[in-house]
Amino acid sequence: MTRENQPTSNDDVMPSVANFISNLNFEVNLKELPIYLQEIFELLLDTEYGNDLDLRRKMLSCLRTSRYVAETLSPFTDK
């Protein structure tokens, strides 16, 4: 049995989640991520590919999710 398939306890999971959040925060400024995505999406909307309703829905969903993640993780960041 591999390590991924073994049962875990709360004591195993919480340090892993904290490590993940810490590493993620060093790689990406989570508070500014929604702004970065919005800038990218605004540029994309000016192209022929941006004229797609399904793509626009996905972009809005992505922005909303990134805002929720940034808000949720903001108490755990230094910035």
Protein backbone atom coordinates (compact mmCIF):
# COMPACT_ATOMS: atom_id res chain seq x y z
CA MET A 1 0.00 0.00 0.00
CA THR A 2 1.36 3.43 -0.89
CA ARG A 3 1.54 6.29 1.55
CA GLU A 4 -1.26 8.18 -0.26
CA ASN A 5 -3.73 5.36 0.35
CA GLN A 6 -3.14 5.03 4.08
CA PRO A 7 -5.64 6.51 6.54
CA THR A 8 -4.61 9.87 7.97
CA SER A 9 -5.31 11.61 11.23
CA ASN A 10 -5.98 15.26 11.92
CA ASP A 11 -2.45 15.48 13.33
CA ASP A 12 -1.08 14.47 9.93
CA VAL A 13 -3.33 16.64 7.80
CA MET A 14 -3.14 20.02 9.52
CA PRO A 15 0.67 20.42 9.31
CA SER A 16 0.50 19.42 5.63
CA VAL A 17 -2.19 22.01 4.91
CA ALA A 18 -0.23 24.68 6.78
CA ASN A 19 2.89 23.78 4.81
CA PHE A 20 0.97 23.95 1.54
CA ILE A 21 -0.47 27.39 2.35
CA SER A 22 2.92 28.69 3.44
CA ASN A 23 4.61 27.46 0.27
CA LEU A 24 1.81 28.79 -1.90
CA ASN A 25 2.04 32.21 -0.28
CA PHE A 26 5.75 32.41 -1.08
CA GLU A 27 5.13 31.56 -4.74
CA VAL A 28 2.06 33.73 -5.31
CA ASN A 29 0.81 36.86 -3.61
CA LEU A 30 -2.66 35.51 -2.87
CA LYS A 31 -4.19 38.90 -2.16
CA GLU A 32 -3.26 40.18 -5.63
CA LEU A 33 -4.14 37.01 -7.53
CA PRO A 34 -7.72 38.13 -8.33
CA ILE A 35 -6.37 41.41 -9.71
CA TYR A 36 -3.84 39.58 -11.90
CA LEU A 37 -6.54 37.28 -13.23
CA GLN A 38 -8.87 40.19 -13.91
CA GLU A 39 -6.17 41.97 -15.95
CA ILE A 40 -5.50 38.82 -17.97
CA PHE A 41 -9.20 38.19 -18.57
CA GLU A 42 -9.86 41.80 -19.62
CA LEU A 43 -7.13 41.51 -22.25
CA LEU A 44 -8.50 38.17 -23.39
CA LEU A 45 -12.02 39.57 -23.73
CA ASP A 46 -10.73 42.03 -26.36
CA THR A 47 -9.71 39.13 -28.60
CA GLU A 48 -11.78 36.89 -30.86
CA TYR A 49 -11.48 34.06 -28.32
CA GLY A 50 -13.04 36.24 -25.62
CA ASN A 51 -16.32 36.34 -27.53
CA ASP A 52 -17.46 33.03 -26.04
CA LEU A 53 -20.19 32.94 -23.39
CA ASP A 54 -18.96 29.67 -21.86
CA LEU A 55 -15.43 31.06 -21.54
CA ARG A 56 -16.75 34.23 -19.91
CA ARG A 57 -18.66 32.17 -17.35
CA LYS A 58 -15.52 30.20 -16.54
CA MET A 59 -13.53 33.41 -16.14
CA LEU A 60 -16.09 34.85 -13.74
CA SER A 61 -16.13 31.64 -11.76
CA CYS A 62 -12.34 31.64 -11.59
CA LEU A 63 -12.28 35.26 -10.38
CA ARG A 64 -14.91 34.54 -7.74
CA THR A 65 -13.05 31.48 -6.50
CA SER A 66 -9.72 33.29 -6.36
CA ARG A 67 -11.32 36.09 -4.33
CA TYR A 68 -12.76 33.55 -1.88
CA VAL A 69 -9.39 31.83 -1.54
CA ALA A 70 -7.61 35.15 -1.01
CA GLU A 71 -10.15 36.22 1.63
CA THR A 72 -10.08 32.87 3.39
CA LEU A 73 -6.30 32.66 3.54
CA SER A 74 -5.65 36.34 4.32
CA PRO A 75 -5.50 35.78 8.12
CA PHE A 76 -2.64 33.34 7.53
CA THR A 77 -0.45 35.69 5.49
CA ASP A 78 2.04 38.30 6.61
CA LYS A 79 1.05 40.83 3.97
